[in-house]
Amino acid sequence: MTKIILLVFAVSWDSFVAGIGDGLLGMSGASPVKMAALFALSDGAATAIGLRAGALWLNSNLISTLSAACWLLLVLAVVQRSLKPPARARAWPYLLPLVFSLDNLFATPAFAHTGVAPVLSVGSTAAASGLLFFSGRILAWWAKTQLTDPIRRSSTCGRILACMPELLPNRAAQSR
């Protein structure tokens, strides 16, 4: 069970980071609940699609090429978004969850090897993704309302992100 929890957390972590970024930069302009639902839906759907097409993924060397291409497109989209004024980028909030769900699609072979029912994998991934995005938005809201200095605000969120892996169970400590 620890494997599935760590795997769900690993593929949903990007939703937390996106929630912080969206909350601090105000990129989407959409409500936090709506965006959390979009992240949950897209991550759950990508996991379900990947589990249904599992045999194709396991027998193909195309995964690393597609993954690299998707991340390159993500970087280009972020750069393009930062250059455009917010009024011209209306589709951005709806494309962001789709782009961030690609890691779930490529991680489905790992889900298949855990032996957990696909319904549990899809549901837990969707729930974790939505909750982590919403948690990131709450953290960003707190930082914006409590910290007046933008540099201190960003560094506080960065410190929280850096400390999050410490919350994960330590395998070495468990084996003792």
C-alpha atoms as a PDB file:
ATOM      1  CA  MET A   1       0.000   0.000   0.000  1.00  0.00           C
ATOM      2  CA  THR A   2       2.962   2.297   0.614  1.00  0.00           C
ATOM      3  CA  LYS A   3       3.940   1.975  -3.051  1.00  0.00           C
ATOM      4  CA  ILE A   4       0.590   3.213  -4.315  1.00  0.00           C
ATOM      5  CA  ILE A   5       0.560   6.115  -1.845  1.00  0.00           C
ATOM      6  CA  LEU A   6       4.041   7.225  -2.892  1.00  0.00           C
ATOM      7  CA  LEU A   7       3.206   6.791  -6.563  1.00  0.00           C
ATOM      8  CA  VAL A   8      -0.016   8.792  -6.282  1.00  0.00           C
ATOM      9  CA  PHE A   9       1.832  11.523  -4.400  1.00  0.00           C
ATOM     10  CA  ALA A  10       4.618  11.558  -6.993  1.00  0.00           C
ATOM     11  CA  VAL A  11       2.312  11.964  -9.992  1.00  0.00           C
ATOM     12  CA  SER A  12       0.076  14.486  -8.208  1.00  0.00           C
ATOM     13  CA  TRP A  13       2.888  16.647  -6.863  1.00  0.00           C
ATOM     14  CA  ASP A  14       2.897  18.818  -9.983  1.00  0.00           C
ATOM     15  CA  SER A  15      -0.673  19.880  -9.174  1.00  0.00           C
ATOM     16  CA  PHE A  16       0.534  21.309  -5.849  1.00  0.00           C
ATOM     17  CA  VAL A  17       3.280  23.246  -7.603  1.00  0.00           C
ATOM     18  CA  ALA A  18       0.793  24.468 -10.227  1.00  0.00           C
ATOM     19  CA  GLY A  19      -1.560  25.587  -7.448  1.00  0.00           C
ATOM     20  CA  ILE A  20       1.201  27.631  -5.838  1.00  0.00           C
ATOM     21  CA  GLY A  21       2.193  29.144  -9.168  1.00  0.00           C
ATOM     22  CA  ASP A  22      -1.378  29.907 -10.117  1.00  0.00           C
ATOM     23  CA  GLY A  23      -2.098  31.431  -6.731  1.00  0.00           C
ATOM     24  CA  LEU A  24       1.037  33.579  -6.599  1.00  0.00           C
ATOM     25  CA  LEU A  25       1.009  34.709 -10.222  1.00  0.00           C
ATOM     26  CA  GLY A  26      -2.746  34.766 -10.799  1.00  0.00           C
ATOM     27  CA  MET A  27      -2.320  33.031 -14.141  1.00  0.00           C
ATOM     28  CA  SER A  28      -5.714  31.411 -14.519  1.00  0.00           C
ATOM     29  CA  GLY A  29      -8.185  33.891 -13.101  1.00  0.00           C
ATOM     30  CA  ALA A  30     -10.523  30.942 -12.519  1.00  0.00           C
ATOM     31  CA  SER A  31     -11.894  29.925  -9.136  1.00  0.00           C
ATOM     32  CA  PRO A  32      -9.674  27.580  -7.083  1.00  0.00           C
ATOM     33  CA  VAL A  33     -12.453  24.987  -6.809  1.00  0.00           C
ATOM     34  CA  LYS A  34     -12.982  24.947 -10.584  1.00  0.00           C
ATOM     35  CA  MET A  35      -9.259  24.603 -11.261  1.00  0.00           C
ATOM     36  CA  ALA A  36      -8.894  21.866  -8.620  1.00  0.00           C
ATOM     37  CA  ALA A  37     -11.750  19.978 -10.282  1.00  0.00           C
ATOM     38  CA  LEU A  38     -10.062  20.370 -13.677  1.00  0.00           C
ATOM     39  CA  PHE A  39      -6.775  19.047 -12.303  1.00  0.00           C
ATOM     40  CA  ALA A  40      -8.543  16.116 -10.643  1.00  0.00           C
ATOM     41  CA  LEU A  41     -10.496  15.281 -13.793  1.00  0.00           C
ATOM     42  CA  SER A  42      -7.513  15.507 -16.130  1.00  0.00           C
ATOM     43  CA  ASP A  43      -5.146  13.527 -13.876  1.00  0.00           C
ATOM     44  CA  GLY A  44      -7.771  10.844 -13.255  1.00  0.00           C
ATOM     45  CA  ALA A  45      -8.613  10.609 -16.950  1.00  0.00           C
ATOM     46  CA  ALA A  46      -4.949  10.387 -17.963  1.00  0.00           C
ATOM     47  CA  THR A  47      -4.384   7.596 -15.436  1.00  0.00           C
ATOM     48  CA  ALA A  48      -7.458   5.728 -16.693  1.00  0.00           C
ATOM     49  CA  ILE A  49      -6.443   6.092 -20.339  1.00  0.00           C
ATOM     50  CA  GLY A  50      -2.916   4.948 -19.546  1.00  0.00           C
ATOM     51  CA  LEU A  51      -4.145   1.914 -17.633  1.00  0.00           C
ATOM     52  CA  ARG A  52      -6.450   0.930 -20.517  1.00  0.00           C
ATOM     53  CA  ALA A  53      -3.623   1.282 -23.033  1.00  0.00           C
ATOM     54  CA  GLY A  54      -1.053  -0.330 -20.712  1.00  0.00           C
ATOM     55  CA  ALA A  55       0.099  -3.038 -23.096  1.00  0.00           C
ATOM     56  CA  LEU A  56       0.990  -0.439 -25.723  1.00  0.00           C
ATOM     57  CA  TRP A  57       3.051   1.577 -23.238  1.00  0.00           C
ATOM     58  CA  LEU A  58       4.897  -1.414 -21.817  1.00  0.00           C
ATOM     59  CA  ASN A  59       5.962  -2.693 -25.234  1.00  0.00           C
ATOM     60  CA  SER A  60       7.088   0.636 -26.678  1.00  0.00           C
ATOM     61  CA  ASN A  61      10.290   2.661 -26.443  1.00  0.00           C
ATOM     62  CA  LEU A  62       8.346   5.730 -27.507  1.00  0.00           C
ATOM     63  CA  ILE A  63       7.574   6.785 -23.924  1.00  0.00           C
ATOM     64  CA  SER A  64      10.798   8.699 -23.283  1.00  0.00           C
ATOM     65  CA  THR A  65      10.573  10.527 -26.609  1.00  0.00           C
ATOM     66  CA  LEU A  66       6.952  11.535 -26.039  1.00  0.00           C
ATOM     67  CA  SER A  67       7.694  12.557 -22.474  1.00  0.00           C
ATOM     68  CA  ALA A  68      10.586  14.783 -23.517  1.00  0.00           C
ATOM     69  CA  ALA A  69       8.505  16.354 -26.282  1.00  0.00           C
ATOM     70  CA  CYS A  70       5.621  17.061 -23.883  1.00  0.00           C
ATOM     71  CA  TRP A  71       7.874  18.706 -21.330  1.00  0.00           C
ATOM     72  CA  LEU A  72       9.469  20.811 -24.055  1.00  0.00           C
ATOM     73  CA  LEU A  73       6.002  21.932 -25.135  1.00  0.00           C
ATOM     74  CA  LEU A  74       5.204  22.774 -21.518  1.00  0.00           C
ATOM     75  CA  VAL A  75       8.310  24.951 -21.212  1.00  0.00           C
ATOM     76  CA  LEU A  76       7.489  26.701 -24.487  1.00  0.00           C
ATOM     77  CA  ALA A  77       3.896  27.262 -23.355  1.00  0.00           C
ATOM     78  CA  VAL A  78       5.043  28.801 -20.072  1.00  0.00           C
ATOM     79  CA  VAL A  79       7.465  31.096 -21.885  1.00  0.00           C
ATOM     80  CA  GLN A  80       4.796  32.086 -24.396  1.00  0.00           C
ATOM     81  CA  ARG A  81       2.298  32.688 -21.594  1.00  0.00           C
ATOM     82  CA  SER A  82       4.715  34.942 -19.753  1.00  0.00           C
ATOM     83  CA  LEU A  83       5.185  37.064 -22.885  1.00  0.00           C
ATOM     84  CA  LYS A  84       1.476  37.530 -23.620  1.00  0.00           C
ATOM     85  CA  PRO A  85      -0.782  39.851 -21.697  1.00  0.00           C
ATOM     86  CA  PRO A  86      -3.339  37.932 -19.609  1.00  0.00           C
ATOM     87  CA  ALA A  87      -6.328  39.130 -21.636  1.00  0.00           C
ATOM     88  CA  ARG A  88      -5.154  37.299 -24.781  1.00  0.00           C
ATOM     89  CA  ALA A  89      -4.568  33.917 -23.142  1.00  0.00           C
ATOM     90  CA  ARG A  90      -8.113  32.786 -22.323  1.00  0.00           C
ATOM     91  CA  ALA A  91      -7.516  29.041 -22.896  1.00  0.00           C
ATOM     92  CA  TRP A  92      -4.515  28.859 -20.570  1.00  0.00           C
ATOM     93  CA  PRO A  93      -6.377  27.711 -17.427  1.00  0.00           C
ATOM     94  CA  TYR A  94      -7.950  24.830 -19.316  1.00  0.00           C
ATOM     95  CA  LEU A  95      -4.757  23.693 -21.052  1.00  0.00           C
ATOM     96  CA  LEU A  96      -2.593  23.705 -17.939  1.00  0.00           C
ATOM     97  CA  PRO A  97      -4.278  20.686 -16.263  1.00  0.00           C
ATOM     98  CA  LEU A  98      -4.080  18.730 -19.523  1.00  0.00           C
ATOM     99  CA  VAL A  99      -0.367  19.381 -19.905  1.00  0.00           C
ATOM    100  CA  PHE A 100       0.286  18.558 -16.263  1.00  0.00           C
ATOM    101  CA  SER A 101      -1.606  15.266 -16.577  1.00  0.00           C
ATOM    102  CA  LEU A 102       0.836  13.851 -19.123  1.00  0.00           C
ATOM    103  CA  ASP A 103       3.081  12.499 -16.366  1.00  0.00           C
ATOM    104  CA  ASN A 104       0.123  10.434 -15.132  1.00  0.00           C
ATOM    105  CA  LEU A 105      -0.308   8.992 -18.598  1.00  0.00           C
ATOM    106  CA  PHE A 106       3.348   7.966 -18.776  1.00  0.00           C
ATOM    107  CA  ALA A 107       3.452   6.650 -15.195  1.00  0.00           C
ATOM    108  CA  THR A 108       0.687   4.101 -15.694  1.00  0.00           C
ATOM    109  CA  PRO A 109       3.069   1.137 -16.149  1.00  0.00           C
ATOM    110  CA  ALA A 110       4.136   1.759 -12.559  1.00  0.00           C
ATOM    111  CA  PHE A 111       0.478   1.780 -11.478  1.00  0.00           C
ATOM    112  CA  ALA A 112      -0.070  -1.511 -13.314  1.00  0.00           C
ATOM    113  CA  HIS A 113       2.806  -3.156 -11.426  1.00  0.00           C
ATOM    114  CA  THR A 114       1.465  -2.233  -7.965  1.00  0.00           C
ATOM    115  CA  GLY A 115      -1.335  -4.780  -8.216  1.00  0.00           C
ATOM    116  CA  VAL A 116      -3.938  -2.282  -7.024  1.00  0.00           C
ATOM    117  CA  ALA A 117      -7.344  -2.186  -8.690  1.00  0.00           C
ATOM    118  CA  PRO A 118      -7.474   0.365 -11.536  1.00  0.00           C
ATOM    119  CA  VAL A 119     -10.492   2.068  -9.968  1.00  0.00           C
ATOM    120  CA  LEU A 120      -8.487   2.741  -6.811  1.00  0.00           C
ATOM    121  CA  SER A 121      -5.518   4.020  -8.814  1.00  0.00           C
ATOM    122  CA  VAL A 122      -7.662   6.390 -10.878  1.00  0.00           C
ATOM    123  CA  GLY A 123      -9.739   7.606  -7.949  1.00  0.00           C
ATOM    124  CA  SER A 124      -6.835   8.183  -5.600  1.00  0.00           C
ATOM    125  CA  THR A 125      -4.861   9.997  -8.285  1.00  0.00           C
ATOM    126  CA  ALA A 126      -7.786  12.261  -9.124  1.00  0.00           C
ATOM    127  CA  ALA A 127      -8.540  13.022  -5.474  1.00  0.00           C
ATOM    128  CA  ALA A 128      -4.893  13.670  -4.595  1.00  0.00           C
ATOM    129  CA  SER A 129      -4.387  15.910  -7.600  1.00  0.00           C
ATOM    130  CA  GLY A 130      -7.420  18.058  -6.858  1.00  0.00           C
ATOM    131  CA  LEU A 131      -6.599  18.306  -3.164  1.00  0.00           C
ATOM    132  CA  LEU A 132      -2.958  19.138  -3.795  1.00  0.00           C
ATOM    133  CA  PHE A 133      -3.845  21.866  -6.305  1.00  0.00           C
ATOM    134  CA  PHE A 134      -6.299  23.362  -3.828  1.00  0.00           C
ATOM    135  CA  SER A 135      -3.678  23.106  -1.051  1.00  0.00           C
ATOM    136  CA  GLY A 136      -1.189  24.939  -3.256  1.00  0.00           C
ATOM    137  CA  ARG A 137      -3.721  27.698  -3.861  1.00  0.00           C
ATOM    138  CA  ILE A 138      -4.347  27.985  -0.109  1.00  0.00           C
ATOM    139  CA  LEU A 139      -0.605  28.218   0.548  1.00  0.00           C
ATOM    140  CA  ALA A 140      -0.275  30.915  -2.129  1.00  0.00           C
ATOM    141  CA  TRP A 141      -3.260  32.806  -0.697  1.00  0.00           C
ATOM    142  CA  TRP A 142      -1.675  32.679   2.757  1.00  0.00           C
ATOM    143  CA  ALA A 143       1.653  33.881   1.379  1.00  0.00           C
ATOM    144  CA  LYS A 144       0.005  36.744  -0.518  1.00  0.00           C
ATOM    145  CA  THR A 145      -2.047  37.930   2.445  1.00  0.00           C
ATOM    146  CA  GLN A 146       0.515  37.451   5.215  1.00  0.00           C
ATOM    147  CA  LEU A 147       3.799  38.284   3.479  1.00  0.00           C
ATOM    148  CA  THR A 148       4.015  41.729   1.922  1.00  0.00           C
ATOM    149  CA  ASP A 149       7.472  41.410   0.372  1.00  0.00           C
ATOM    150  CA  PRO A 150       7.274  39.509  -2.965  1.00  0.00           C
ATOM    151  CA  ILE A 151      10.767  38.059  -2.547  1.00  0.00           C
ATOM    152  CA  ARG A 152       9.977  36.786   0.933  1.00  0.00           C
ATOM    153  CA  ARG A 153       6.671  35.404  -0.350  1.00  0.00           C
ATOM    154  CA  SER A 154       8.363  33.413  -3.113  1.00  0.00           C
ATOM    155  CA  SER A 155      11.191  32.208  -0.902  1.00  0.00           C
ATOM    156  CA  THR A 156       8.736  31.017   1.780  1.00  0.00           C
ATOM    157  CA  CYS A 157       6.798  28.985  -0.791  1.00  0.00           C
ATOM    158  CA  GLY A 158      10.091  27.638  -2.131  1.00  0.00           C
ATOM    159  CA  ARG A 159      11.189  26.568   1.346  1.00  0.00           C
ATOM    160  CA  ILE A 160       7.896  24.780   1.887  1.00  0.00           C
ATOM    161  CA  LEU A 161       8.319  22.971  -1.448  1.00  0.00           C
ATOM    162  CA  ALA A 162      11.881  22.008  -0.527  1.00  0.00           C
ATOM    163  CA  CYS A 163      10.784  20.575   2.836  1.00  0.00           C
ATOM    164  CA  MET A 164       7.865  18.520   1.473  1.00  0.00           C
ATOM    165  CA  PRO A 165       9.986  15.432   0.627  1.00  0.00           C
ATOM    166  CA  GLU A 166      10.861  15.215   4.326  1.00  0.00           C
ATOM    167  CA  LEU A 167       7.228  14.294   4.985  1.00  0.00           C
ATOM    168  CA  LEU A 168       7.529  11.144   2.895  1.00  0.00           C
ATOM    169  CA  PRO A 169       8.329   7.922   4.731  1.00  0.00           C
ATOM    170  CA  ASN A 170      12.025   7.210   4.938  1.00  0.00           C
ATOM    171  CA  ARG A 171      12.726   3.713   3.588  1.00  0.00           C
ATOM    172  CA  ALA A 172      16.001   3.386   5.524  1.00  0.00           C
ATOM    173  CA  ALA A 173      14.305   4.221   8.810  1.00  0.00           C
ATOM    174  CA  GLN A 174      11.503   1.732   8.107  1.00  0.00           C
ATOM    175  CA  SER A 175      13.903  -1.151   7.462  1.00  0.00           C
ATOM    176  CA  ARG A 176      15.541  -0.840  10.909  1.00  0.00           C
END
